[in-house]
Amino acid sequence: MNETSVIETPTPTIQVPVAFFDLDLTLLSVNSASLWIKSEYKLGFVSTWQVIKASYWLTRYHLGASSLESALLSAIKSLKGQDADAFKKRMLLFFESKLKHLLRPGALEQVAKHKAQGHLCYLCTNATNILSELFVNELKLNGMICNTFEVKQGHFTGEPASLLCFGSGKLVLAKQLLQNSHISLSECYFYTDSYSDLPLLEQVGYPILVHPDPRLEREAQKRGWPIVNWD
């Protein structure tokens, strides 16, 4: 398992536009974090209080009342001391049994269209690199921008391995991906449902909103951004 990297090392070979895809409620019809918490609770890896806390943060975030950044840091910290390989095995089982079949039909079609046009397709999500890699392999994407957890001596330290891939962090990481290429963000696409992704949406040439949350839908109406239905 790669313990430190967040994205593939930028190379001069990126000569075509990149289509960035958010994961939760964009490629997927569900929020994977919510399902993961429930799965971990059933297995005894999280407490009732942690489930209540996570549900509270996710609800407030969806309603536009708070950011998820502090919740993400708290979730990463809760992993301190856990065996990273065991965590990865549970994530694989979770992916196979709970998530893989919940990819939106329209998402699969759109990924195929970009590939047919010769574009690169990248996951751009606040999910962990462990889960992100599974979706990259499943969809045969070119890479990923995501969150990673620091691992030392086979166990999580409870700290992020790099910049959080959330909000403005997604924009920074997308720019890093393209920094040695001849492609600019103005030539790229970004598909997402979340208002928190506004920093990157404002910089790409083709922002496309997939079942947007209420705040992002209002923003789309003001800016004339397209909204698509992938169900």
C-alpha atoms as a PDB file:
ATOM      1  CA  MET A   1       0.000   0.000   0.000  1.00  0.00           C
ATOM      2  CA  ASN A   2       1.298   3.416  -0.892  1.00  0.00           C
ATOM      3  CA  GLU A   3       1.603   5.217   2.437  1.00  0.00           C
ATOM      4  CA  THR A   4       2.503   8.730   1.357  1.00  0.00           C
ATOM      5  CA  SER A   5       1.430   9.711  -2.129  1.00  0.00           C
ATOM      6  CA  VAL A   6      -1.839  11.510  -2.842  1.00  0.00           C
ATOM      7  CA  ILE A   7      -1.751  11.630  -6.624  1.00  0.00           C
ATOM      8  CA  GLU A   8       0.325  10.043  -9.315  1.00  0.00           C
ATOM      9  CA  THR A   9       3.604  11.854  -9.855  1.00  0.00           C
ATOM     10  CA  PRO A  10       2.987  14.589 -12.453  1.00  0.00           C
ATOM     11  CA  THR A  11       4.716  13.887 -15.746  1.00  0.00           C
ATOM     12  CA  PRO A  12       5.155  15.811 -19.014  1.00  0.00           C
ATOM     13  CA  THR A  13       3.104  13.105 -20.774  1.00  0.00           C
ATOM     14  CA  ILE A  14      -0.258  14.730 -19.944  1.00  0.00           C
ATOM     15  CA  GLN A  15      -1.040  16.284 -23.302  1.00  0.00           C
ATOM     16  CA  VAL A  16      -4.834  15.924 -23.348  1.00  0.00           C
ATOM     17  CA  PRO A  17      -7.649  17.324 -21.199  1.00  0.00           C
ATOM     18  CA  VAL A  18      -8.450  15.645 -17.893  1.00  0.00           C
ATOM     19  CA  ALA A  19     -11.967  14.802 -16.732  1.00  0.00           C
ATOM     20  CA  PHE A  20     -12.097  14.879 -12.915  1.00  0.00           C
ATOM     21  CA  PHE A  21     -14.865  12.907 -11.190  1.00  0.00           C
ATOM     22  CA  ASP A  22     -16.033  13.233  -7.605  1.00  0.00           C
ATOM     23  CA  LEU A  23     -17.009   9.901  -6.021  1.00  0.00           C
ATOM     24  CA  ASP A  24     -19.750  10.186  -3.385  1.00  0.00           C
ATOM     25  CA  LEU A  25     -23.179  11.115  -4.776  1.00  0.00           C
ATOM     26  CA  THR A  26     -21.568  11.705  -8.179  1.00  0.00           C
ATOM     27  CA  LEU A  27     -20.117   8.492  -9.590  1.00  0.00           C
ATOM     28  CA  LEU A  28     -21.869   6.716  -6.722  1.00  0.00           C
ATOM     29  CA  SER A  29     -25.548   7.125  -5.879  1.00  0.00           C
ATOM     30  CA  VAL A  30     -24.704   7.041  -2.155  1.00  0.00           C
ATOM     31  CA  ASN A  31     -22.296   8.562   0.359  1.00  0.00           C
ATOM     32  CA  SER A  32     -19.668   5.875   0.930  1.00  0.00           C
ATOM     33  CA  ALA A  33     -18.572   7.375   4.273  1.00  0.00           C
ATOM     34  CA  SER A  34     -22.036   6.926   5.752  1.00  0.00           C
ATOM     35  CA  LEU A  35     -22.219   3.292   4.657  1.00  0.00           C
ATOM     36  CA  TRP A  36     -18.659   2.631   5.855  1.00  0.00           C
ATOM     37  CA  ILE A  37     -19.403   3.944   9.358  1.00  0.00           C
ATOM     38  CA  LYS A  38     -22.412   1.628   9.591  1.00  0.00           C
ATOM     39  CA  SER A  39     -20.335  -1.304   8.351  1.00  0.00           C
ATOM     40  CA  GLU A  40     -17.548  -0.613  10.838  1.00  0.00           C
ATOM     41  CA  TYR A  41     -20.113  -0.294  13.648  1.00  0.00           C
ATOM     42  CA  LYS A  42     -21.549  -3.734  12.883  1.00  0.00           C
ATOM     43  CA  LEU A  43     -18.024  -5.165  12.982  1.00  0.00           C
ATOM     44  CA  GLY A  44     -17.283  -3.457  16.299  1.00  0.00           C
ATOM     45  CA  PHE A  45     -14.608  -1.055  15.045  1.00  0.00           C
ATOM     46  CA  VAL A  46     -16.500   2.143  15.891  1.00  0.00           C
ATOM     47  CA  SER A  47     -18.671   3.066  18.855  1.00  0.00           C
ATOM     48  CA  THR A  48     -22.298   4.176  18.973  1.00  0.00           C
ATOM     49  CA  TRP A  49     -21.078   7.677  19.825  1.00  0.00           C
ATOM     50  CA  GLN A  50     -18.835   7.743  16.716  1.00  0.00           C
ATOM     51  CA  VAL A  51     -21.817   6.743  14.542  1.00  0.00           C
ATOM     52  CA  ILE A  52     -23.961   9.515  16.034  1.00  0.00           C
ATOM     53  CA  LYS A  53     -21.160  12.055  15.632  1.00  0.00           C
ATOM     54  CA  ALA A  54     -20.501  11.069  12.006  1.00  0.00           C
ATOM     55  CA  SER A  55     -24.204  11.192  11.141  1.00  0.00           C
ATOM     56  CA  TYR A  56     -24.469  14.629  12.728  1.00  0.00           C
ATOM     57  CA  TRP A  57     -21.567  16.023  10.688  1.00  0.00           C
ATOM     58  CA  LEU A  58     -22.781  14.487   7.433  1.00  0.00           C
ATOM     59  CA  THR A  59     -26.304  15.841   7.935  1.00  0.00           C
ATOM     60  CA  ARG A  60     -25.081  19.350   8.775  1.00  0.00           C
ATOM     61  CA  TYR A  61     -22.752  19.293   5.777  1.00  0.00           C
ATOM     62  CA  HIS A  62     -25.473  18.179   3.362  1.00  0.00           C
ATOM     63  CA  LEU A  63     -27.740  20.943   4.655  1.00  0.00           C
ATOM     64  CA  GLY A  64     -24.978  23.523   4.185  1.00  0.00           C
ATOM     65  CA  ALA A  65     -24.518  24.233   7.891  1.00  0.00           C
ATOM     66  CA  SER A  66     -20.865  23.203   8.207  1.00  0.00           C
ATOM     67  CA  SER A  67     -17.688  22.112   6.451  1.00  0.00           C
ATOM     68  CA  LEU A  68     -16.442  18.529   6.582  1.00  0.00           C
ATOM     69  CA  GLU A  69     -12.783  19.424   7.083  1.00  0.00           C
ATOM     70  CA  SER A  70     -12.815  19.119  10.877  1.00  0.00           C
ATOM     71  CA  ALA A  71     -14.878  15.934  10.624  1.00  0.00           C
ATOM     72  CA  LEU A  72     -12.348  14.451   8.185  1.00  0.00           C
ATOM     73  CA  LEU A  73      -9.464  15.190  10.543  1.00  0.00           C
ATOM     74  CA  SER A  74     -11.404  13.676  13.421  1.00  0.00           C
ATOM     75  CA  ALA A  75     -12.136  10.538  11.392  1.00  0.00           C
ATOM     76  CA  ILE A  76      -8.462  10.148  10.451  1.00  0.00           C
ATOM     77  CA  LYS A  77      -7.411  10.610  14.094  1.00  0.00           C
ATOM     78  CA  SER A  78      -9.835   7.880  15.179  1.00  0.00           C
ATOM     79  CA  LEU A  79      -7.798   5.366  13.135  1.00  0.00           C
ATOM     80  CA  LYS A  80      -4.681   5.825  15.279  1.00  0.00           C
ATOM     81  CA  GLY A  81      -3.112   2.470  16.110  1.00  0.00           C
ATOM     82  CA  GLN A  82      -5.216   0.394  13.721  1.00  0.00           C
ATOM     83  CA  ASP A  83      -3.497  -2.203  11.549  1.00  0.00           C
ATOM     84  CA  ALA A  84      -3.366  -0.747   8.031  1.00  0.00           C
ATOM     85  CA  ASP A  85      -3.436  -4.102   6.209  1.00  0.00           C
ATOM     86  CA  ALA A  86      -6.469  -5.303   8.175  1.00  0.00           C
ATOM     87  CA  PHE A  87      -8.206  -2.009   7.406  1.00  0.00           C
ATOM     88  CA  LYS A  88      -7.444  -2.449   3.713  1.00  0.00           C
ATOM     89  CA  LYS A  89      -8.926  -5.967   3.715  1.00  0.00           C
ATOM     90  CA  ARG A  90     -12.140  -4.710   5.339  1.00  0.00           C
ATOM     91  CA  MET A  91     -12.324  -1.913   2.790  1.00  0.00           C
ATOM     92  CA  LEU A  92     -12.025  -4.394  -0.080  1.00  0.00           C
ATOM     93  CA  LEU A  93     -14.885  -6.505   1.301  1.00  0.00           C
ATOM     94  CA  PHE A  94     -16.940  -3.339   1.800  1.00  0.00           C
ATOM     95  CA  PHE A  95     -16.276  -2.250  -1.773  1.00  0.00           C
ATOM     96  CA  GLU A  96     -17.250  -5.614  -3.233  1.00  0.00           C
ATOM     97  CA  SER A  97     -20.399  -6.125  -1.151  1.00  0.00           C
ATOM     98  CA  LYS A  98     -21.764  -2.611  -0.567  1.00  0.00           C
ATOM     99  CA  LEU A  99     -20.464  -0.143  -3.155  1.00  0.00           C
ATOM    100  CA  LYS A 100     -19.407  -1.514  -6.513  1.00  0.00           C
ATOM    101  CA  HIS A 101     -22.974  -2.079  -7.710  1.00  0.00           C
ATOM    102  CA  LEU A 102     -24.036   1.471  -6.762  1.00  0.00           C
ATOM    103  CA  LEU A 103     -22.157   3.270  -9.537  1.00  0.00           C
ATOM    104  CA  ARG A 104     -24.606   5.480 -11.442  1.00  0.00           C
ATOM    105  CA  PRO A 105     -25.388   4.218 -14.979  1.00  0.00           C
ATOM    106  CA  GLY A 106     -24.861   7.703 -16.394  1.00  0.00           C
ATOM    107  CA  ALA A 107     -21.466   7.889 -14.726  1.00  0.00           C
ATOM    108  CA  LEU A 108     -20.279   4.787 -16.535  1.00  0.00           C
ATOM    109  CA  GLU A 109     -21.495   6.221 -19.836  1.00  0.00           C
ATOM    110  CA  GLN A 110     -19.764   9.559 -19.268  1.00  0.00           C
ATOM    111  CA  VAL A 111     -16.449   7.975 -18.324  1.00  0.00           C
ATOM    112  CA  ALA A 112     -16.649   5.909 -21.525  1.00  0.00           C
ATOM    113  CA  LYS A 113     -17.355   9.045 -23.593  1.00  0.00           C
ATOM    114  CA  HIS A 114     -14.289  10.836 -22.234  1.00  0.00           C
ATOM    115  CA  LYS A 115     -12.108   7.810 -22.911  1.00  0.00           C
ATOM    116  CA  ALA A 116     -13.438   7.688 -26.474  1.00  0.00           C
ATOM    117  CA  GLN A 117     -12.427  11.334 -26.916  1.00  0.00           C
ATOM    118  CA  GLY A 118      -8.914  10.520 -25.751  1.00  0.00           C
ATOM    119  CA  HIS A 119      -9.261  12.365 -22.447  1.00  0.00           C
ATOM    120  CA  LEU A 120      -7.672  11.229 -19.193  1.00  0.00           C
ATOM    121  CA  CYS A 121     -10.090  10.327 -16.396  1.00  0.00           C
ATOM    122  CA  TYR A 122      -9.162  10.983 -12.760  1.00  0.00           C
ATOM    123  CA  LEU A 123     -11.016  10.393  -9.541  1.00  0.00           C
ATOM    124  CA  CYS A 124     -11.097  13.567  -7.426  1.00  0.00           C
ATOM    125  CA  THR A 125     -12.516  12.737  -3.997  1.00  0.00           C
ATOM    126  CA  ASN A 126     -12.146  13.173  -0.254  1.00  0.00           C
ATOM    127  CA  ALA A 127     -12.335   9.381   0.128  1.00  0.00           C
ATOM    128  CA  THR A 128      -9.223   7.495   1.223  1.00  0.00           C
ATOM    129  CA  ASN A 129      -6.660   6.291  -1.294  1.00  0.00           C
ATOM    130  CA  ILE A 130      -7.502   2.695  -0.336  1.00  0.00           C
ATOM    131  CA  LEU A 131     -11.096   3.002  -1.515  1.00  0.00           C
ATOM    132  CA  SER A 132     -10.198   5.342  -4.366  1.00  0.00           C
ATOM    133  CA  GLU A 133      -7.721   2.846  -5.818  1.00  0.00           C
ATOM    134  CA  LEU A 134     -10.438   0.192  -5.938  1.00  0.00           C
ATOM    135  CA  PHE A 135     -12.678   2.479  -8.002  1.00  0.00           C
ATOM    136  CA  VAL A 136      -9.795   3.532 -10.238  1.00  0.00           C
ATOM    137  CA  ASN A 137      -9.150  -0.131 -11.017  1.00  0.00           C
ATOM    138  CA  GLU A 138     -12.856  -0.950 -11.425  1.00  0.00           C
ATOM    139  CA  LEU A 139     -13.465   1.903 -13.885  1.00  0.00           C
ATOM    140  CA  LYS A 140      -9.991   1.710 -15.471  1.00  0.00           C
ATOM    141  CA  LEU A 141      -9.330   5.377 -14.729  1.00  0.00           C
ATOM    142  CA  ASN A 142      -5.951   7.023 -15.242  1.00  0.00           C
ATOM    143  CA  GLY A 143      -5.382   8.014 -11.630  1.00  0.00           C
ATOM    144  CA  MET A 144      -6.725   9.653  -8.526  1.00  0.00           C
ATOM    145  CA  ILE A 145      -6.580  12.703  -6.315  1.00  0.00           C
ATOM    146  CA  CYS A 146      -7.724  11.731  -2.819  1.00  0.00           C
ATOM    147  CA  ASN A 147      -6.977  11.618   0.911  1.00  0.00           C
ATOM    148  CA  THR A 148      -4.258   9.429   2.365  1.00  0.00           C
ATOM    149  CA  PHE A 149      -3.562   8.336   5.914  1.00  0.00           C
ATOM    150  CA  GLU A 150      -0.067   8.295   7.404  1.00  0.00           C
ATOM    151  CA  VAL A 151       1.188   4.794   8.196  1.00  0.00           C
ATOM    152  CA  LYS A 152       4.210   3.880  10.320  1.00  0.00           C
ATOM    153  CA  GLN A 153       5.313   0.343  11.107  1.00  0.00           C
ATOM    154  CA  GLY A 154       2.114  -0.986   9.562  1.00  0.00           C
ATOM    155  CA  HIS A 155      -0.265   1.071  11.694  1.00  0.00           C
ATOM    156  CA  PHE A 156      -2.138   4.325  11.176  1.00  0.00           C
ATOM    157  CA  THR A 157      -0.731   7.276  13.087  1.00  0.00           C
ATOM    158  CA  GLY A 158      -4.010   9.183  13.101  1.00  0.00           C
ATOM    159  CA  GLU A 159      -2.611  11.919  10.845  1.00  0.00           C
ATOM    160  CA  PRO A 160      -3.188  12.720   7.152  1.00  0.00           C
ATOM    161  CA  ALA A 161      -0.241  11.898   4.906  1.00  0.00           C
ATOM    162  CA  SER A 162      -0.576  15.120   2.920  1.00  0.00           C
ATOM    163  CA  LEU A 163      -2.864  18.025   2.131  1.00  0.00           C
ATOM    164  CA  LEU A 164      -6.538  17.207   2.680  1.00  0.00           C
ATOM    165  CA  CYS A 165      -8.304  16.575  -0.621  1.00  0.00           C
ATOM    166  CA  PHE A 166     -11.285  18.714   0.261  1.00  0.00           C
ATOM    167  CA  GLY A 167     -12.455  22.174  -0.790  1.00  0.00           C
ATOM    168  CA  SER A 168      -9.514  24.284  -1.912  1.00  0.00           C
ATOM    169  CA  GLY A 169      -7.261  21.259  -1.379  1.00  0.00           C
ATOM    170  CA  LYS A 170      -8.756  19.627  -4.468  1.00  0.00           C
ATOM    171  CA  LEU A 171      -7.829  22.684  -6.525  1.00  0.00           C
ATOM    172  CA  VAL A 172      -4.238  22.659  -5.245  1.00  0.00           C
ATOM    173  CA  LEU A 173      -3.832  18.956  -5.995  1.00  0.00           C
ATOM    174  CA  ALA A 174      -5.378  19.276  -9.458  1.00  0.00           C
ATOM    175  CA  LYS A 175      -2.938  22.068 -10.258  1.00  0.00           C
ATOM    176  CA  GLN A 176      -0.063  19.901  -9.033  1.00  0.00           C
ATOM    177  CA  LEU A 177      -1.167  17.110 -11.351  1.00  0.00           C
ATOM    178  CA  LEU A 178      -0.991  19.427 -14.355  1.00  0.00           C
ATOM    179  CA  GLN A 179       2.046  21.476 -13.385  1.00  0.00           C
ATOM    180  CA  ASN A 180       4.454  19.738 -15.775  1.00  0.00           C
ATOM    181  CA  SER A 181       1.989  19.397 -18.637  1.00  0.00           C
ATOM    182  CA  HIS A 182       0.848  21.609 -21.482  1.00  0.00           C
ATOM    183  CA  ILE A 183      -2.767  21.303 -20.328  1.00  0.00           C
ATOM    184  CA  SER A 184      -4.461  23.933 -18.159  1.00  0.00           C
ATOM    185  CA  LEU A 185      -7.512  23.550 -15.924  1.00  0.00           C
ATOM    186  CA  SER A 186      -9.433  25.714 -18.400  1.00  0.00           C
ATOM    187  CA  GLU A 187      -9.308  22.733 -20.781  1.00  0.00           C
ATOM    188  CA  CYS A 188     -10.480  20.235 -18.162  1.00  0.00           C
ATOM    189  CA  TYR A 189     -13.791  18.911 -16.859  1.00  0.00           C
ATOM    190  CA  PHE A 190     -15.051  18.397 -13.307  1.00  0.00           C
ATOM    191  CA  TYR A 191     -18.143  16.429 -12.329  1.00  0.00           C
ATOM    192  CA  THR A 192     -19.423  16.811  -8.756  1.00  0.00           C
ATOM    193  CA  ASP A 193     -22.495  17.170  -6.563  1.00  0.00           C
ATOM    194  CA  SER A 194     -20.966  19.232  -3.769  1.00  0.00           C
ATOM    195  CA  TYR A 195     -20.784  22.948  -3.041  1.00  0.00           C
ATOM    196  CA  SER A 196     -17.505  22.337  -1.200  1.00  0.00           C
ATOM    197  CA  ASP A 197     -15.937  21.697  -4.616  1.00  0.00           C
ATOM    198  CA  LEU A 198     -16.583  25.274  -5.741  1.00  0.00           C
ATOM    199  CA  PRO A 199     -12.850  26.252  -5.797  1.00  0.00           C
ATOM    200  CA  LEU A 200     -12.071  23.647  -8.472  1.00  0.00           C
ATOM    201  CA  LEU A 201     -15.386  24.133 -10.293  1.00  0.00           C
ATOM    202  CA  GLU A 202     -14.528  27.807 -10.761  1.00  0.00           C
ATOM    203  CA  GLN A 203     -11.181  26.994 -12.383  1.00  0.00           C
ATOM    204  CA  VAL A 204     -12.041  24.233 -14.839  1.00  0.00           C
ATOM    205  CA  GLY A 205     -13.339  25.122 -18.273  1.00  0.00           C
ATOM    206  CA  TYR A 206     -16.192  22.622 -18.067  1.00  0.00           C
ATOM    207  CA  PRO A 207     -17.922  22.415 -14.667  1.00  0.00           C
ATOM    208  CA  ILE A 208     -20.742  19.851 -14.739  1.00  0.00           C
ATOM    209  CA  LEU A 209     -23.010  19.277 -11.742  1.00  0.00           C
ATOM    210  CA  VAL A 210     -24.390  15.826 -11.017  1.00  0.00           C
ATOM    211  CA  HIS A 211     -27.462  15.770  -8.748  1.00  0.00           C
ATOM    212  CA  PRO A 212     -26.076  18.867  -6.951  1.00  0.00           C
ATOM    213  CA  ASP A 213     -26.745  19.652  -3.302  1.00  0.00           C
ATOM    214  CA  PRO A 214     -29.070  22.647  -2.675  1.00  0.00           C
ATOM    215  CA  ARG A 215     -26.261  25.227  -2.343  1.00  0.00           C
ATOM    216  CA  LEU A 216     -24.534  24.071  -5.509  1.00  0.00           C
ATOM    217  CA  GLU A 217     -27.810  23.972  -7.418  1.00  0.00           C
ATOM    218  CA  ARG A 218     -28.428  27.630  -6.534  1.00  0.00           C
ATOM    219  CA  GLU A 219     -24.883  28.475  -7.621  1.00  0.00           C
ATOM    220  CA  ALA A 220     -25.408  26.639 -10.911  1.00  0.00           C
ATOM    221  CA  GLN A 221     -28.540  28.637 -11.642  1.00  0.00           C
ATOM    222  CA  LYS A 222     -26.652  31.901 -11.054  1.00  0.00           C
ATOM    223  CA  ARG A 223     -23.680  30.901 -13.200  1.00  0.00           C
ATOM    224  CA  GLY A 224     -25.478  28.961 -15.916  1.00  0.00           C
ATOM    225  CA  TRP A 225     -23.597  25.748 -15.183  1.00  0.00           C
ATOM    226  CA  PRO A 226     -25.094  22.546 -16.627  1.00  0.00           C
ATOM    227  CA  ILE A 227     -26.819  20.060 -14.331  1.00  0.00           C
ATOM    228  CA  VAL A 228     -27.073  16.407 -15.347  1.00  0.00           C
ATOM    229  CA  ASN A 229     -29.011  13.382 -14.137  1.00  0.00           C
ATOM    230  CA  TRP A 230     -27.037  10.144 -14.159  1.00  0.00           C
ATOM    231  CA  ASP A 231     -29.649   7.766 -12.728  1.00  0.00           C
END
